[in-house]
Protein backbone atom coordinates (compact mmCIF):
# COMPACT_ATOMS: atom_id res chain seq x y z
CA MET A 1 0.00 0.00 0.00
CA LYS A 2 2.82 2.44 -0.87
CA PRO A 3 1.95 5.33 -3.19
CA ASP A 4 5.63 6.26 -3.48
CA LYS A 5 8.99 5.32 -2.04
CA LYS A 6 9.40 5.66 1.71
CA PRO A 7 10.41 9.23 2.65
CA GLY A 8 13.07 10.13 5.22
CA PHE A 9 12.21 10.20 8.92
CA PHE A 10 11.67 13.95 9.18
CA ARG A 11 9.60 14.08 5.99
CA LEU A 12 7.46 11.22 7.27
CA LEU A 13 7.10 12.93 10.66
CA TRP A 14 6.02 16.13 8.92
CA GLU A 15 3.46 14.23 6.84
CA LEU A 16 1.91 12.92 10.06
CA LEU A 17 2.04 16.16 12.03
CA TYR A 18 1.11 18.97 9.69
CA PRO A 19 -2.66 18.27 9.45
CA PHE A 20 -2.92 18.50 13.25
CA LEU A 21 -0.64 21.55 13.36
CA ALA A 22 -2.84 23.25 10.74
CA TYR A 23 -5.87 22.51 12.92
CA GLN A 24 -4.12 24.03 15.94
CA LEU A 25 -3.07 27.09 13.97
CA ILE A 26 -6.63 27.68 12.76
CA SER A 27 -7.86 27.24 16.34
CA THR A 28 -5.34 29.79 17.63
CA VAL A 29 -6.27 32.36 14.98
CA VAL A 30 -10.01 31.87 15.54
CA SER A 31 -9.54 32.16 19.33
CA ALA A 32 -7.58 35.40 18.97
CA VAL A 33 -10.08 36.92 16.53
CA VAL A 34 -13.08 35.99 18.69
CA ALA A 35 -11.46 37.31 21.87
CA MET A 36 -10.41 40.60 20.23
CA LEU A 37 -13.88 41.02 18.73
CA LEU A 38 -15.52 40.48 22.12
CA ILE A 39 -13.12 42.93 23.76
CA SER A 40 -13.82 45.56 21.10
CA LEU A 41 -17.58 45.13 21.56
CA ASN A 42 -17.19 45.61 25.33
CA PHE A 43 -14.27 48.00 25.23
CA GLY A 44 -15.51 50.12 28.12
CA SER A 45 -15.34 47.25 30.61
CA TYR A 46 -11.70 46.61 29.73
CA LEU A 47 -10.47 50.22 29.91
CA GLY A 48 -9.52 49.87 33.55
CA LEU A 49 -7.25 46.90 32.90
CA ASN A 50 -4.00 48.80 32.60
CA ASP A 51 -2.02 45.81 33.83
CA PRO A 52 -0.99 43.68 30.80
CA MET A 53 -1.23 40.54 32.93
CA LYS A 54 -4.85 41.28 33.87
CA LEU A 55 -5.66 42.00 30.25
CA MET A 56 -4.14 38.66 29.23
CA GLU A 57 -6.15 36.90 31.93
CA ALA A 58 -9.32 38.51 30.63
CA PHE A 59 -8.31 37.52 27.09
CA SER A 60 -7.75 33.90 28.16
CA GLN A 61 -11.03 33.79 30.09
CA LEU A 62 -12.96 34.91 27.02
CA ILE A 63 -11.46 32.02 25.06
CA VAL A 64 -12.53 29.60 27.80
CA ASP A 65 -16.03 31.10 28.04
CA TYR A 66 -16.59 30.79 24.31
CA TYR A 67 -14.73 27.50 23.83
CA GLY A 68 -17.72 25.77 22.20
CA GLU A 69 -18.30 28.52 19.67
CA ILE A 70 -14.57 28.77 18.91
CA SER A 71 -14.34 25.00 18.43
CA ALA A 72 -17.33 25.05 16.09
CA VAL A 73 -15.86 27.79 13.88
CA THR A 74 -12.45 26.08 13.93
CA ALA A 75 -13.96 22.75 12.87
CA VAL A 76 -15.99 24.32 10.07
CA LEU A 77 -12.88 26.10 8.73
CA THR A 78 -10.64 23.03 9.08
CA LEU A 79 -12.93 20.40 7.54
CA PRO A 80 -12.57 21.59 3.90
CA LEU A 81 -8.77 21.51 4.21
CA LEU A 82 -8.82 17.99 5.67
CA ILE A 83 -11.21 16.74 2.98
CA VAL A 84 -8.86 18.11 0.30
CA LEU A 85 -5.86 16.36 1.94
CA PHE A 86 -7.86 13.13 2.28
CA ARG A 87 -8.78 13.21 -1.42
CA ASN A 88 -5.21 14.05 -2.42
CA ASP A 89 -4.01 10.94 -0.58
CA ARG A 90 -6.57 8.91 -2.51
CA LYS A 91 -5.26 10.38 -5.77
CA LYS A 92 -1.70 9.35 -4.78
CA GLU A 93 -2.92 5.81 -4.17
CA LYS A 94 -4.67 5.77 -7.54
CA ALA A 95 -1.55 7.05 -9.28
CA ALA A 96 0.45 4.26 -7.65
CA ALA A 97 -2.24 1.70 -8.57
CA VAL A 98 -2.79 0.73 -4.92
CA TYR A 99 -6.18 2.35 -4.42
CA THR A 100 -9.27 0.19 -3.89
CA ALA A 101 -12.79 1.60 -4.08
CA TRP A 102 -15.29 0.12 -1.62
CA GLU A 103 -19.05 -0.10 -1.69
CA PRO A 104 -20.89 1.99 0.97
CA LEU A 105 -21.78 0.00 4.07
CA PRO A 106 -25.46 -0.70 4.82
CA ALA A 107 -27.30 1.79 7.08
CA TRP A 108 -27.55 -0.73 9.93
CA ALA A 109 -23.75 -0.93 10.08
CA TYR A 110 -23.43 2.79 10.79
CA ILE A 111 -26.12 2.59 13.49
CA THR A 112 -24.34 -0.40 15.01
CA VAL A 113 -20.96 1.30 15.32
CA PHE A 114 -22.54 4.50 16.72
CA ILE A 115 -24.14 2.51 19.55
CA MET A 116 -20.88 0.57 20.00
CA GLY A 117 -19.04 3.87 20.51
CA ALA A 118 -21.56 4.95 23.15
CA ALA A 119 -21.20 1.62 24.98
CA ALA A 120 -17.40 1.83 24.77
CA CYS A 121 -17.48 5.28 26.37
CA VAL A 122 -19.60 4.14 29.32
CA GLY A 123 -17.74 0.87 29.84
CA LEU A 124 -14.25 2.36 29.59
CA ASN A 125 -15.02 5.35 31.80
CA HIS A 126 -16.50 3.06 34.44
CA LEU A 127 -13.46 0.79 34.30
CA LEU A 128 -11.21 3.83 34.81
CA ILE A 129 -13.34 4.83 37.81
CA PHE A 130 -13.21 1.27 39.16
CA SER A 131 -9.41 1.18 38.75
CA ARG A 132 -9.12 4.40 40.82
CA LEU A 133 -7.07 6.03 38.07
CA SER A 134 -9.77 8.68 37.78
CA GLU A 135 -9.13 9.63 41.42
CA LEU A 136 -5.35 9.72 41.10
CA LEU A 137 -5.48 11.84 37.94
CA GLN A 138 -8.62 13.80 38.71
CA ASP A 139 -7.00 17.22 39.13
CA SER A 140 -5.46 17.21 35.66
CA TYR A 141 -8.74 16.06 34.13
CA GLU A 142 -11.08 18.45 35.92
CA SER A 143 -9.42 21.58 34.56
CA THR A 144 -9.83 20.23 31.02
CA ALA A 145 -13.40 19.04 31.63
CA GLU A 146 -14.41 22.49 32.88
CA ILE A 147 -13.44 23.90 29.51
CA LEU A 148 -14.90 21.11 27.38
CA PHE A 149 -18.23 20.83 29.21
CA GLN A 150 -19.27 24.36 30.09
CA GLY A 151 -21.59 25.41 27.29
CA LYS A 152 -25.21 24.78 26.35
CA LEU A 153 -26.07 21.12 25.88
CA ILE A 154 -27.17 21.49 22.26
CA ILE A 155 -23.95 23.34 21.36
CA GLU A 156 -21.82 20.70 23.09
CA ILE A 157 -23.62 17.89 21.24
CA LEU A 158 -23.17 19.70 17.92
CA VAL A 159 -19.50 20.57 18.53
CA MET A 160 -18.13 17.76 20.71
CA GLY A 161 -20.49 15.11 19.39
CA MET A 162 -20.43 15.85 15.66
CA LEU A 163 -17.94 18.44 14.39
CA VAL A 164 -14.92 17.53 16.55
CA PRO A 165 -15.19 13.76 15.84
CA ALA A 166 -15.29 14.47 12.09
CA VAL A 167 -12.19 16.68 12.29
CA GLU A 168 -10.23 14.39 14.62
CA GLU A 169 -11.02 11.23 12.67
CA LEU A 170 -9.91 12.80 9.40
CA ILE A 171 -6.66 13.90 11.08
CA PHE A 172 -5.81 10.81 13.11
CA ARG A 173 -7.37 7.97 11.10
CA GLY A 174 -8.15 9.31 7.63
CA LEU A 175 -4.73 10.95 7.24
CA ALA A 176 -2.22 9.88 9.94
CA TYR A 177 -3.20 6.21 10.24
CA ARG A 178 -3.74 5.85 6.51
CA ARG A 179 -0.30 7.33 5.80
CA MET A 180 1.31 5.03 8.37
CA ARG A 181 -0.29 2.09 6.58
CA TRP A 182 1.54 3.01 3.38
CA TYR A 183 4.78 1.89 5.05
CA ILE A 184 4.02 -0.35 8.06
CA LYS A 185 1.68 -3.20 9.01
CA PRO A 186 -1.74 -2.66 10.65
CA VAL A 187 -0.91 -3.45 14.30
CA PRO A 188 2.08 -1.09 14.70
CA ALA A 189 0.16 1.56 12.74
CA MET A 190 -2.80 1.19 15.13
CA ILE A 191 -0.54 1.49 18.19
CA LEU A 192 1.38 4.50 16.85
CA SER A 193 -1.76 6.33 15.74
CA ALA A 194 -3.40 5.66 19.13
CA LEU A 195 -0.31 7.01 20.92
CA TYR A 196 -0.42 10.09 18.70
CA PHE A 197 -4.12 10.54 19.47
CA ALA A 198 -3.48 10.14 23.21
CA ALA A 199 -0.53 12.54 23.25
CA VAL A 200 -2.60 15.52 22.08
CA HIS A 201 -5.28 15.17 24.75
CA GLY A 202 -3.52 17.25 27.37
CA ASN A 203 -3.73 15.12 30.54
CA TRP A 204 -3.00 11.59 31.67
CA LEU A 205 -6.58 10.44 32.29
CA GLN A 206 -7.84 11.60 28.91
CA GLY A 207 -4.66 10.25 27.35
CA ILE A 208 -5.27 6.73 28.68
CA TYR A 209 -8.89 6.87 27.52
CA ALA A 210 -7.88 8.27 24.11
CA PHE A 211 -5.22 5.59 23.60
CA ILE A 212 -7.67 2.73 24.17
CA ILE A 213 -10.41 4.36 22.10
CA GLY A 214 -7.78 5.20 19.46
CA LEU A 215 -6.95 1.52 19.07
CA LEU A 216 -10.65 0.77 18.57
CA LEU A 217 -11.04 3.58 16.03
CA ALA A 218 -8.00 2.52 14.00
CA HIS A 219 -9.10 -1.11 14.03
CA ALA A 220 -12.59 -0.13 12.88
CA TYR A 221 -11.14 1.95 10.04
CA GLU A 222 -8.80 -0.85 8.99
CA HIS A 223 -11.60 -3.43 9.05
CA THR A 224 -14.40 -1.46 7.39
CA ARG A 225 -12.31 0.73 5.03
CA SER A 226 -14.70 3.61 5.73
CA VAL A 227 -13.70 6.79 7.57
CA PHE A 228 -17.37 7.30 8.45
CA VAL A 229 -17.17 4.31 10.81
CA PRO A 230 -14.57 5.78 13.22
CA ILE A 231 -16.33 9.16 12.94
CA LEU A 232 -19.59 7.56 14.12
CA ILE A 233 -17.90 5.54 16.88
CA HIS A 234 -16.18 8.71 18.09
CA SER A 235 -19.44 10.65 17.82
CA GLY A 236 -21.36 8.06 19.83
CA ALA A 237 -18.72 8.10 22.57
CA ASN A 238 -18.57 11.90 22.73
CA ILE A 239 -22.34 12.43 22.75
CA VAL A 240 -22.75 10.01 25.66
CA SER A 241 -19.88 11.74 27.48
CA VAL A 242 -21.56 15.14 27.00
CA VAL A 243 -24.95 13.83 28.19
CA ILE A 244 -23.42 12.21 31.29
CA SER A 245 -21.42 15.34 32.14
CA GLU A 246 -24.20 17.87 31.54
CA THR A 247 -27.32 16.07 32.77
CA ALA A 248 -28.42 14.08 35.81
CA VAL A 249 -29.16 10.97 33.75
CA PHE A 250 -26.42 8.90 35.44
CA ASP A 251 -26.58 10.41 38.94
CA ARG A 252 -28.40 7.41 40.42
CA VAL A 253 -25.86 5.07 38.82
CA TYR A 254 -22.98 6.77 40.64
CA GLU A 255 -24.87 6.84 43.95
CA SER A 256 -25.38 3.06 44.04
CA ASP A 257 -22.51 0.55 43.86
CA ALA A 258 -24.84 -2.22 42.69
CA LEU A 259 -26.32 -0.09 39.92
CA PHE A 260 -22.84 1.08 38.92
CA TYR A 261 -21.65 -2.52 38.47
CA ILE A 262 -24.81 -3.50 36.57
CA VAL A 263 -24.50 -0.57 34.13
CA THR A 264 -20.76 -1.24 33.71
CA ALA A 265 -21.37 -4.92 32.94
CA ALA A 266 -24.23 -4.07 30.56
CA ALA A 267 -22.08 -1.51 28.68
CA ILE A 268 -19.21 -3.99 28.31
CA ILE A 269 -21.55 -6.76 27.12
CA ILE A 270 -23.24 -4.45 24.59
CA PHE A 271 -19.87 -3.24 23.33
CA ALA A 272 -18.51 -6.80 23.02
CA ALA A 273 -21.63 -7.98 21.16
CA LEU A 274 -21.58 -5.06 18.73
CA PHE A 275 -17.81 -5.33 18.22
CA TYR A 276 -18.29 -9.01 17.33
CA LEU A 277 -21.09 -7.99 14.97
CA MET A 278 -18.79 -5.44 13.32
CA VAL A 279 -15.83 -7.75 12.77
CA THR A 280 -18.01 -10.68 11.71
CA TYR A 281 -20.79 -9.21 9.61
CA ILE A 282 -19.74 -5.69 8.58
CA THR A 283 -17.54 -6.64 5.68
CA PRO A 284 -16.56 -4.07 3.04
CA ARG A 285 -17.14 -5.05 -0.56
CA GLU A 286 -14.85 -3.92 -3.32
CA LYS A 287 -16.53 -1.93 -6.06
CA THR A 288 -16.57 -3.64 -9.42
CA GLN A 289 -15.68 -1.79 -12.60
CA GLN A 290 -19.37 -1.91 -13.54
CA SER A 291 -20.44 -0.25 -10.26
CA LEU A 292 -17.69 2.36 -10.61
CA GLY A 293 -19.08 3.43 -13.99
CA ALA A 294 -17.81 6.61 -15.59
CA TYR A 295 -16.41 7.88 -12.29
CA GLY A 296 -14.09 4.91 -12.01
CA GLN A 297 -13.05 5.18 -15.65
CA ASN A 298 -12.16 8.84 -15.27
CA GLU A 299 -10.15 8.40 -12.10
């Protein structure tokens, strides 16, 4: 699966990093523009902040307060770039005669993996709580959670549950993992891409969670050959995380040890059953020349 000869180490590293760096750059620019716009609209309230440090604190607080909106704009601006890069990689594969076109998966497959992602989120988070890692690493996580989960529920579902999974899956699976697979076998590519995914999450607790979920996402992409599958798994996991964090739906679960163990076991069983369903019955089918039609002949 090599569209060209293997590049040098630093070129390969750059190929893996620059989509994420572009995302971060866009985020930084959007954050600065939004904060400056808000300051200009409320200029009178900031006139008394003669101390540069206080002004910077106010600037940083605005970014935190409007994190959801900033993330939404960043995702919308980044997605077209990532789609172009994703398609360019496909063109490289076609030019090297290593590209395979796959039939779309049936609708039930996408529903299945979405629910599997939700079950994985509940099961894995409960296992981290049971292991006491969540207590040991709680301080580093809480500061991040306060930023991620501090907006309106509908905005968080839209941003964290839909836009962010699409952006992150294009970066870490659609581009990074796919590029790793040009040169190395699936298992090391899954591990490296999961480590990469974990490393950018900012704290140890989220990093452990992201590494395990990253392995699942890379495996799902490798098995189904569809980037929509990891996007939907990621979306299912994030939406459940938002709902748990922002509503009282799981309060009774965390107040009762028995109920906690029952829900944990149920989530693990549901995940295991749906994972088995995915690897056994969700099988990608290669497009034939007839099904490709004119599109396949042109490309």
